Amino acid sequence: MCPNDMQMEASLDRMMSLECSVISPLKVLYFSTQSVDVRLGSLRILLHVLEVMLLLIVQVLFSFFISLFLISSSDVIFKILLEIWRKTSLQLAEYT
């Protein structure tokens, strides 16, 4: 099995884990009631989970780009990316 195949399989396992632990229970909660408040609450939780996941993905991408720019040693671009990283980290800290 190629390393890329193993990484893809690991990603699929994590996505299945996320679905089992977060998304499926929210789906059950949403469809198990007629209460608008409960449905709205489950949608808000889902939105919050997706926001946090998006911020984590952004941080991973910025880590990758920062490492690329460290190799090229462009100080101005590195400082800009570092500031974006700091702001994203602060936003993520607000959610956790």
Protein backbone atom coordinates (compact mmCIF):
# COMPACT_ATOMS: atom_id res chain seq x y z
CA MET A 1 0.00 0.00 0.00
CA CYS A 2 1.40 3.41 -0.98
CA PRO A 3 1.92 6.13 1.66
CA ASN A 4 -0.70 8.26 -0.09
CA ASP A 5 -3.19 5.38 0.09
CA MET A 6 -2.51 4.99 3.81
CA GLN A 7 -2.97 8.73 4.37
CA MET A 8 -6.24 8.65 2.43
CA GLU A 9 -7.44 5.67 4.47
CA ALA A 10 -6.51 7.44 7.72
CA SER A 11 -8.42 10.53 6.58
CA LEU A 12 -11.47 8.44 5.76
CA ASP A 13 -11.26 6.79 9.19
CA ARG A 14 -11.15 10.19 10.89
CA MET A 15 -14.13 11.39 8.85
CA MET A 16 -16.11 8.28 9.77
CA SER A 17 -15.17 8.86 13.40
CA LEU A 18 -16.40 12.45 13.18
CA GLU A 19 -19.64 11.33 11.59
CA CYS A 20 -20.23 8.66 14.23
CA SER A 21 -19.36 10.86 17.20
CA VAL A 22 -20.84 14.22 16.17
CA ILE A 23 -22.91 14.35 13.02
CA SER A 24 -25.01 11.19 13.44
CA PRO A 25 -26.22 12.07 16.97
CA LEU A 26 -27.11 15.58 15.80
CA LYS A 27 -29.06 14.10 12.89
CA VAL A 28 -30.95 11.80 15.27
CA LEU A 29 -31.64 14.70 17.62
CA TYR A 30 -32.86 16.91 14.77
CA PHE A 31 -35.23 14.34 13.27
CA SER A 32 -36.47 12.89 16.59
CA THR A 33 -38.51 15.93 17.55
CA GLN A 34 -40.95 18.44 16.16
CA SER A 35 -39.68 21.12 18.56
CA VAL A 36 -38.27 24.08 16.67
CA ASP A 37 -36.02 24.95 19.63
CA VAL A 38 -34.40 21.50 19.70
CA ARG A 39 -33.94 21.48 15.94
CA LEU A 40 -32.44 24.96 16.02
CA GLY A 41 -30.12 23.93 18.84
CA SER A 42 -28.86 20.90 16.92
CA LEU A 43 -28.21 23.06 13.85
CA ARG A 44 -26.30 25.58 15.97
CA ILE A 45 -24.12 22.83 17.41
CA LEU A 46 -23.42 21.53 13.91
CA LEU A 47 -22.52 25.02 12.71
CA HIS A 48 -20.13 25.45 15.64
CA VAL A 49 -18.46 22.09 14.90
CA LEU A 50 -18.02 23.03 11.24
CA GLU A 51 -16.57 26.44 12.16
CA VAL A 52 -13.97 24.86 14.44
CA MET A 53 -13.09 22.27 11.81
CA LEU A 54 -12.65 25.00 9.20
CA LEU A 55 -10.35 26.97 11.49
CA LEU A 56 -8.27 23.85 12.15
CA ILE A 57 -7.97 23.21 8.41
CA VAL A 58 -6.89 26.81 7.87
CA GLN A 59 -4.24 26.45 10.56
CA VAL A 60 -2.88 23.29 8.97
CA LEU A 61 -2.71 25.01 5.58
CA PHE A 62 -0.94 28.04 7.04
CA SER A 63 1.54 25.75 8.80
CA PHE A 64 2.32 24.21 5.45
CA PHE A 65 2.75 27.59 3.73
CA ILE A 66 4.83 28.97 6.58
CA SER A 67 7.18 26.01 6.31
CA LEU A 68 7.47 26.63 2.56
CA PHE A 69 8.29 30.29 3.08
CA LEU A 70 10.82 29.46 5.78
CA ILE A 71 12.64 27.45 3.18
CA SER A 72 12.57 30.37 0.74
CA SER A 73 13.37 32.80 3.61
CA SER A 74 11.23 35.69 2.44
CA ASP A 75 10.98 37.85 5.56
CA VAL A 76 8.08 40.08 4.48
CA ILE A 77 5.86 37.21 3.39
CA PHE A 78 6.79 35.24 6.49
CA LYS A 79 5.77 38.14 8.76
CA ILE A 80 2.43 38.47 6.97
CA LEU A 81 1.73 34.75 7.28
CA LEU A 82 2.79 34.77 10.91
CA GLU A 83 0.30 37.56 11.65
CA ILE A 84 -2.49 35.66 9.88
CA TRP A 85 -1.55 32.57 11.88
CA ARG A 86 -1.74 34.55 15.13
CA LYS A 87 -5.19 35.93 14.30
CA THR A 88 -6.48 32.50 13.29
CA SER A 89 -5.14 30.99 16.52
CA LEU A 90 -6.92 33.67 18.53
CA GLN A 91 -10.18 32.93 16.70
CA LEU A 92 -9.77 29.22 17.35
CA ALA A 93 -9.10 29.90 21.03
CA GLU A 94 -12.45 31.72 21.24
CA TYR A 95 -14.26 28.58 20.04
CA THR A 96 -12.55 26.13 22.37
